[in-house]
Protein backbone atom coordinates (compact mmCIF):
# COMPACT_ATOMS: atom_id res chain seq x y z
CA MET A 1 -58.06 117.70 33.92
CA GLU A 2 -55.56 118.83 31.30
CA GLU A 3 -52.72 118.16 33.59
CA SER A 4 -54.14 114.75 34.59
CA CYS A 5 -54.46 113.87 30.78
CA ASN A 6 -50.75 115.19 30.21
CA VAL A 7 -49.44 112.91 32.98
CA LYS A 8 -51.19 110.00 31.49
CA ARG A 9 -49.71 110.85 28.08
CA GLU A 10 -46.40 111.00 29.73
CA MET A 11 -46.71 107.80 31.56
CA CYS A 12 -48.08 106.08 28.36
CA ASN A 13 -45.15 107.53 26.40
CA GLY A 14 -42.72 106.38 29.07
CA GLU A 15 -44.25 102.80 29.04
CA ASN A 16 -43.97 102.60 25.26
CA LEU A 17 -40.37 103.93 25.40
CA LYS A 18 -39.56 101.22 28.04
CA SER A 19 -40.98 98.75 26.01
CA LYS A 20 -39.23 99.66 22.94
CA MET A 21 -35.87 99.58 25.05
CA VAL A 22 -36.73 96.02 26.22
CA ASN A 23 -37.32 94.69 22.72
CA GLN A 24 -34.28 96.50 21.43
CA LYS A 25 -32.40 94.77 24.36
CA SER A 26 -34.00 91.46 23.28
CA LYS A 27 -33.09 91.68 19.77
CA THR A 28 -29.50 92.76 20.68
CA LYS A 29 -29.07 89.77 22.99
CA GLY A 30 -30.61 87.38 20.32
CA VAL A 31 -28.27 88.89 17.75
CA ILE A 32 -25.41 88.24 20.11
CA GLY A 33 -26.29 84.89 21.01
CA MET A 34 -26.63 83.96 17.53
CA LYS A 35 -23.15 85.44 16.76
CA LYS A 36 -21.85 83.23 19.78
CA LEU A 37 -23.54 80.29 18.27
CA ILE A 38 -22.10 80.89 14.74
CA GLY A 39 -18.59 81.56 16.39
CA LEU A 40 -18.71 78.42 18.50
CA GLY A 41 -19.82 76.50 15.38
CA ILE A 42 -17.00 77.76 13.16
CA GLY A 43 -14.70 77.30 16.15
CA ALA A 44 -15.71 73.50 16.29
CA LEU A 45 -15.37 73.15 12.79
CA MET A 46 -11.83 74.34 12.78
CA VAL A 47 -10.88 72.23 15.65
CA CYS A 48 -12.18 69.36 13.72
CA ALA A 49 -10.44 70.30 10.47
CA LEU A 50 -7.12 70.80 12.32
CA GLY A 51 -7.55 67.47 14.10
CA THR A 52 -8.14 65.59 10.98
CA VAL A 53 -4.85 66.96 9.70
CA ALA A 54 -2.85 66.62 12.80
CA PHE A 55 -3.59 62.70 13.14
CA ALA A 56 -1.21 60.68 11.03
CA GLY A 57 -1.86 57.12 10.19
CA PRO A 58 -0.72 54.02 12.42
CA GLU A 59 2.83 53.11 12.13
CA HIS A 60 4.18 49.56 11.71
CA ALA A 61 7.31 47.63 11.93
CA GLU A 62 8.01 44.31 9.95
CA VAL A 63 9.69 41.35 11.76
CA ASP A 64 10.97 38.08 9.64
CA VAL A 65 11.05 35.02 11.77
CA TYR A 66 13.05 31.81 10.58
CA VAL A 67 13.56 28.38 11.56
CA THR A 68 15.21 25.42 9.78
CA PRO A 69 13.85 21.91 10.51
CA GLY A 70 16.36 19.51 11.99
CA GLY A 71 16.80 15.77 12.98
CA ILE A 72 15.50 14.54 9.55
CA THR A 73 17.37 11.49 8.01
CA ALA A 74 16.77 10.28 4.40
CA SER A 75 15.30 6.66 4.56
CA LEU A 76 14.63 4.82 1.11
CA THR A 77 13.57 1.35 1.24
CA SER A 78 12.55 -1.33 -1.33
CA PRO A 79 10.22 -4.39 -0.64
CA THR A 80 12.01 -6.05 -3.55
CA SER A 81 15.54 -6.42 -3.18
CA TYR A 82 16.47 -7.90 -6.82
CA TYR A 83 15.13 -8.53 -10.33
CA ASN A 84 16.54 -11.54 -12.31
CA PHE A 85 16.55 -11.41 -16.04
CA GLU A 86 17.21 -14.91 -15.84
CA THR A 87 19.00 -16.47 -19.01
CA LEU A 88 19.26 -14.22 -22.12
CA ASN A 89 20.96 -14.85 -25.41
CA LEU A 90 23.76 -12.79 -26.47
CA GLY A 91 23.22 -9.69 -28.74
CA VAL A 92 19.50 -9.48 -27.35
CA SER A 93 17.79 -6.69 -25.30
CA SER A 94 14.98 -7.40 -22.51
CA ASN A 95 12.88 -5.14 -20.23
CA SER A 96 11.79 -6.18 -16.84
CA ALA A 97 8.34 -7.63 -16.53
CA THR A 98 7.60 -6.69 -12.88
CA ALA A 99 8.65 -3.48 -11.03
CA VAL A 100 11.06 -2.75 -8.20
CA THR A 101 9.33 -0.52 -5.83
CA LEU A 102 11.06 2.59 -3.93
CA ASP A 103 9.54 3.63 -0.77
CA ASN A 104 10.28 7.03 0.86
CA GLU A 105 10.14 6.84 4.72
CA THR A 106 11.62 10.20 5.37
CA SER A 107 9.44 12.89 6.97
CA CYS A 108 9.92 15.13 4.02
CA GLY A 109 10.16 14.92 0.15
CA VAL A 110 13.23 13.49 -1.40
CA LYS A 111 14.90 13.27 -4.73
CA ILE A 112 16.23 10.02 -6.21
CA THR A 113 19.51 9.31 -7.74
CA LYS A 114 21.00 5.82 -8.63
CA SER A 115 24.49 4.17 -8.95
CA ILE A 116 26.13 0.87 -9.84
CA GLN A 117 28.30 0.40 -6.75
CA ALA A 118 29.91 -2.76 -7.63
CA ILE A 119 29.82 -5.65 -10.34
CA ASP A 120 30.00 -9.01 -8.40
CA ALA A 121 30.01 -11.55 -10.95
CA GLY A 122 31.46 -15.10 -11.96
CA GLY A 123 32.45 -13.63 -15.24
CA THR A 124 33.79 -10.22 -16.62
CA ILE A 125 31.19 -7.11 -16.90
CA ILE A 126 32.32 -4.19 -18.80
CA LEU A 127 29.68 -1.52 -18.20
CA THR A 128 28.92 0.52 -21.22
CA ASN A 129 26.41 3.27 -22.16
CA ASP A 130 27.11 2.39 -25.77
CA ALA A 131 25.17 -0.03 -27.76
CA PRO A 132 27.16 -3.40 -27.60
CA ALA A 133 28.46 -4.28 -30.89
CA ASP A 134 29.98 -7.15 -32.77
CA ILE A 135 32.60 -9.27 -31.39
CA PRO A 136 35.50 -9.45 -30.34
CA ALA A 137 35.91 -5.60 -29.69
CA ASP A 138 32.82 -5.68 -27.22
CA ASN A 139 33.06 -8.97 -25.48
CA ASN A 140 31.48 -8.75 -21.96
CA LYS A 141 30.13 -5.24 -22.56
CA PHE A 142 26.71 -4.98 -20.88
CA ARG A 143 24.33 -2.01 -20.79
CA LEU A 144 21.91 -1.65 -18.00
CA ARG A 145 19.27 1.00 -18.13
CA CYS A 146 16.61 2.09 -15.31
CA VAL A 147 13.72 4.39 -15.57
CA GLU A 148 10.67 5.32 -13.38
CA LYS A 149 7.08 4.66 -14.63
CA SER A 150 3.69 3.53 -12.95
CA ASP A 151 3.26 0.91 -15.24
CA ARG A 152 5.55 -1.48 -17.29
CA ALA A 153 8.21 0.73 -19.50
CA ASP A 154 8.47 -0.26 -23.09
CA LEU A 155 11.66 -2.07 -24.55
CA GLY A 156 13.67 0.11 -26.71
CA ASP A 157 15.10 3.62 -26.93
CA THR A 158 12.01 5.62 -26.38
CA GLU A 159 10.87 4.99 -22.82
CA PHE A 160 14.48 3.91 -21.92
CA SER A 161 16.16 6.87 -23.35
CA VAL A 162 19.94 6.50 -23.75
CA VAL A 163 20.39 10.08 -22.57
CA HIS A 164 18.55 9.82 -19.20
CA THR A 165 18.36 6.09 -18.19
CA THR A 166 21.70 4.73 -18.45
CA PHE A 167 24.09 4.53 -15.32
CA SER A 168 27.12 6.56 -14.67
CA THR A 169 30.47 5.13 -14.18
CA LEU A 170 30.99 2.72 -11.50
CA THR A 171 30.32 4.15 -7.76
CA ASN A 172 29.13 7.52 -9.28
CA TYR A 173 25.62 8.72 -8.89
CA ASN A 174 23.25 10.25 -11.55
CA VAL A 175 19.53 11.17 -11.72
CA LEU A 176 16.83 8.44 -11.73
CA THR A 177 14.19 9.90 -14.18
CA ASP A 178 10.94 9.18 -15.41
CA THR A 179 10.13 8.37 -19.04
CA SER A 180 10.21 12.24 -19.94
CA GLY A 181 13.75 12.63 -18.37
CA VAL A 182 12.51 14.50 -15.21
CA GLN A 183 14.14 13.51 -12.06
CA VAL A 184 12.09 11.40 -9.79
CA SER A 185 10.76 13.21 -6.51
CA LEU A 186 8.96 11.19 -3.78
CA ALA A 187 6.63 12.81 -1.26
CA ALA A 188 6.91 12.69 2.46
CA ASP A 189 6.29 9.27 4.24
CA ASP A 190 2.65 8.34 4.32
CA GLN A 191 1.69 11.10 1.71
CA THR A 192 0.44 10.34 -1.86
CA GLY A 193 3.35 9.91 -3.92
CA GLU A 194 5.77 8.40 -1.30
CA GLN A 195 6.43 5.46 -3.61
CA CYS A 196 7.59 4.79 -7.27
CA ASN A 197 7.93 1.77 -9.57
CA ILE A 198 11.25 1.53 -11.32
CA TRP A 199 12.04 -0.79 -14.49
CA PHE A 200 15.08 -2.16 -16.10
CA GLN A 201 16.40 -2.79 -19.53
CA ILE A 202 19.45 -4.72 -20.28
CA ASP A 203 21.46 -4.81 -23.62
CA MET A 204 23.54 -8.10 -23.85
CA PRO A 205 27.13 -8.16 -25.40
CA TYR A 206 27.89 -10.22 -28.40
CA GLY A 207 30.36 -12.10 -26.74
CA VAL A 208 31.42 -13.15 -23.19
CA ASP A 209 34.31 -15.11 -21.56
CA ASN A 210 32.21 -17.67 -19.79
CA GLN A 211 28.49 -18.49 -18.91
CA ASP A 212 28.65 -17.53 -15.28
CA GLN A 213 25.77 -15.50 -13.78
CA ARG A 214 26.46 -11.62 -13.80
CA LYS A 215 25.15 -9.47 -11.02
CA PHE A 216 24.92 -5.63 -10.81
CA ASP A 217 24.99 -4.22 -7.33
CA LEU A 218 22.80 -0.84 -7.39
CA THR A 219 22.10 1.65 -4.81
CA PHE A 220 19.37 4.20 -4.93
CA GLN A 221 19.79 7.32 -2.91
CA ALA A 222 17.38 9.65 -1.40
CA THR A 223 18.56 13.25 -1.12
CA ILE A 224 16.22 15.57 1.12
CA GLU A 225 14.80 18.36 -0.88
């Protein structure tokens, strides 16, 4: 009977020992598994970190492309080909009552210059940018001025400034300006600002050699901007 009980005790002790060993192994496996997971996590973080450092930003190259428009010819027209002051007394000044219009027919913007190309007259004309004075020294000396303005330019030296509105010497060009002295620019054909109005003032001499009609041949030139 005692032997039977001893055997049972031994069996019970063996089972307990086996159970303890199994539990110990399970704990060990759990710890090892946890360590592996932690190790994998740290490894993944290190890979990500290294990956972030290793990848540089995108590279780029800059390229400039150029082109110059060609086949453009400046074209300037005037629906009105002349202005006639008619008969003016000697020693007086007069400003034009109606404008002469310039129209840019070029496919781009232009700047305008002006010139007296010829003096075709029945009598003598001496072109001057000084105010005509008493005779006889200033016989036949005419001063012609020209300015751009939307409406009629006022007679006198304010809007027809001597500095900006007189002409250069015969056949030479100088700039056509507005009443502020700024060179006239016209927009491309069919754009707002393609036209401008120009006005004239003439200062008559104090003496002439005859009463024949005088004529100034003017040219307005468009230069592509």
